[in-house]
Amino acid sequence: MIENFDDVVVADREWVHLEDAYLSSYQTMKHNYRKRINHIITKGIEAGEIKEINVPSTIWLLLHAINGIESWHRSKTQIPPEELEENMISILIGGMKKVN
């Protein structure tokens, strides 16, 4: 999203206009990556590495936070991309991590 912003925005907004065969393929890819994220979080919870959280809402939150990088691109107060990435990891992942 940071390095390939234009490509991501087009893919994120224009997929609804794809012809049926391409639309089906795109929706399958989207479904599969959400399943992979679900699997990673679920396994983390089972392993005690992630605290007990609602997995579907966590996926929604993570993906919307990433899509929010669009606002960063338009922001007049630019945060360096490395700092943005570190802050997102710290808040989104650090906030999920189980505290012993």
Protein backbone atom coordinates (compact mmCIF):
# COMPACT_ATOMS: atom_id res chain seq x y z
CA MET A 1 0.00 0.00 0.00
CA ILE A 2 2.91 2.33 0.70
CA GLU A 3 5.05 1.44 -2.31
CA ASN A 4 2.37 0.48 -4.87
CA PHE A 5 -0.37 2.87 -3.84
CA ASP A 6 -1.86 3.55 -7.29
CA ASP A 7 -2.07 -0.15 -8.13
CA VAL A 8 -3.70 -0.97 -4.80
CA VAL A 9 -6.27 1.82 -5.06
CA VAL A 10 -7.28 0.71 -8.55
CA ALA A 11 -7.55 -2.92 -7.44
CA ASP A 12 -9.44 -1.95 -4.30
CA ARG A 13 -12.00 0.25 -6.06
CA GLU A 14 -12.33 -1.03 -9.58
CA TRP A 15 -12.70 -4.78 -9.03
CA VAL A 16 -16.50 -4.45 -9.04
CA HIS A 17 -16.33 -3.61 -12.75
CA LEU A 18 -14.52 -6.81 -13.73
CA GLU A 19 -16.15 -9.25 -16.13
CA ASP A 20 -17.62 -12.36 -14.50
CA ALA A 21 -14.63 -14.72 -14.91
CA TYR A 22 -12.18 -12.13 -13.56
CA LEU A 23 -14.60 -11.02 -10.85
CA SER A 24 -14.98 -14.57 -9.60
CA SER A 25 -11.19 -15.03 -9.57
CA TYR A 26 -10.68 -11.77 -7.67
CA GLN A 27 -13.33 -12.66 -5.11
CA THR A 28 -11.75 -16.09 -4.61
CA MET A 29 -8.31 -14.52 -4.03
CA LYS A 30 -9.84 -12.03 -1.59
CA HIS A 31 -11.64 -14.83 0.27
CA ASN A 32 -8.44 -16.93 0.39
CA TYR A 33 -6.22 -14.21 1.85
CA ARG A 34 -8.84 -13.47 4.51
CA LYS A 35 -8.90 -17.19 5.34
CA ARG A 36 -5.09 -17.18 5.64
CA ILE A 37 -5.19 -14.21 8.00
CA ASN A 38 -7.93 -15.96 10.00
CA HIS A 39 -5.76 -19.08 10.23
CA ILE A 40 -2.70 -17.12 11.40
CA ILE A 41 -4.63 -15.31 14.13
CA THR A 42 -6.49 -18.45 15.23
CA LYS A 43 -3.24 -20.42 15.49
CA GLY A 44 -1.69 -17.54 17.45
CA ILE A 45 -4.56 -17.63 19.91
CA GLU A 46 -4.31 -21.42 20.24
CA ALA A 47 -0.55 -21.15 20.84
CA GLY A 48 -1.07 -18.48 23.52
CA GLU A 49 0.81 -15.89 21.47
CA ILE A 50 -2.27 -13.76 20.83
CA LYS A 51 -4.81 -12.93 23.46
CA GLU A 52 -8.42 -14.11 23.13
CA ILE A 53 -10.00 -11.80 20.56
CA ASN A 54 -12.84 -11.93 18.06
CA VAL A 55 -11.04 -13.07 14.91
CA PRO A 56 -13.48 -11.77 12.23
CA SER A 57 -13.58 -8.28 13.73
CA THR A 58 -9.78 -8.31 14.09
CA ILE A 59 -9.39 -9.14 10.39
CA TRP A 60 -11.80 -6.34 9.49
CA LEU A 61 -9.87 -3.89 11.67
CA LEU A 62 -6.47 -4.88 10.27
CA LEU A 63 -7.57 -4.65 6.65
CA HIS A 64 -9.30 -1.31 7.14
CA ALA A 65 -6.24 0.08 8.92
CA ILE A 66 -4.11 -0.92 5.95
CA ASN A 67 -6.60 0.66 3.55
CA GLY A 68 -6.36 3.80 5.68
CA ILE A 69 -2.87 4.32 4.29
CA GLU A 70 -4.70 6.07 1.45
CA SER A 71 -5.28 8.96 3.88
CA TRP A 72 -1.57 8.98 4.69
CA HIS A 73 -0.79 9.47 1.00
CA ARG A 74 -3.04 12.56 0.91
CA SER A 75 -1.90 13.94 4.28
CA LYS A 76 -0.20 17.33 4.39
CA THR A 77 1.85 16.24 7.41
CA GLN A 78 3.82 13.37 5.93
CA ILE A 79 5.10 10.77 8.34
CA PRO A 80 8.06 8.88 6.86
CA PRO A 81 6.89 5.48 5.52
CA GLU A 82 9.22 3.61 7.87
CA GLU A 83 7.72 5.40 10.88
CA LEU A 84 4.18 4.75 9.65
CA GLU A 85 4.96 1.06 9.22
CA GLU A 86 6.57 0.80 12.66
CA ASN A 87 3.64 2.60 14.31
CA MET A 88 1.09 0.37 12.60
CA ILE A 89 2.96 -2.78 13.63
CA SER A 90 3.36 -1.53 17.18
CA ILE A 91 -0.30 -0.59 17.58
CA LEU A 92 -2.02 -3.31 15.58
CA ILE A 93 0.19 -6.27 16.41
CA GLY A 94 1.51 -5.13 19.78
CA GLY A 95 -2.04 -4.43 20.87
CA MET A 96 -3.03 -8.01 20.04
CA LYS A 97 -0.08 -9.67 21.72
CA LYS A 98 -0.86 -11.56 24.90
CA VAL A 99 0.70 -10.00 27.99
CA ASN A 100 2.01 -12.60 30.44
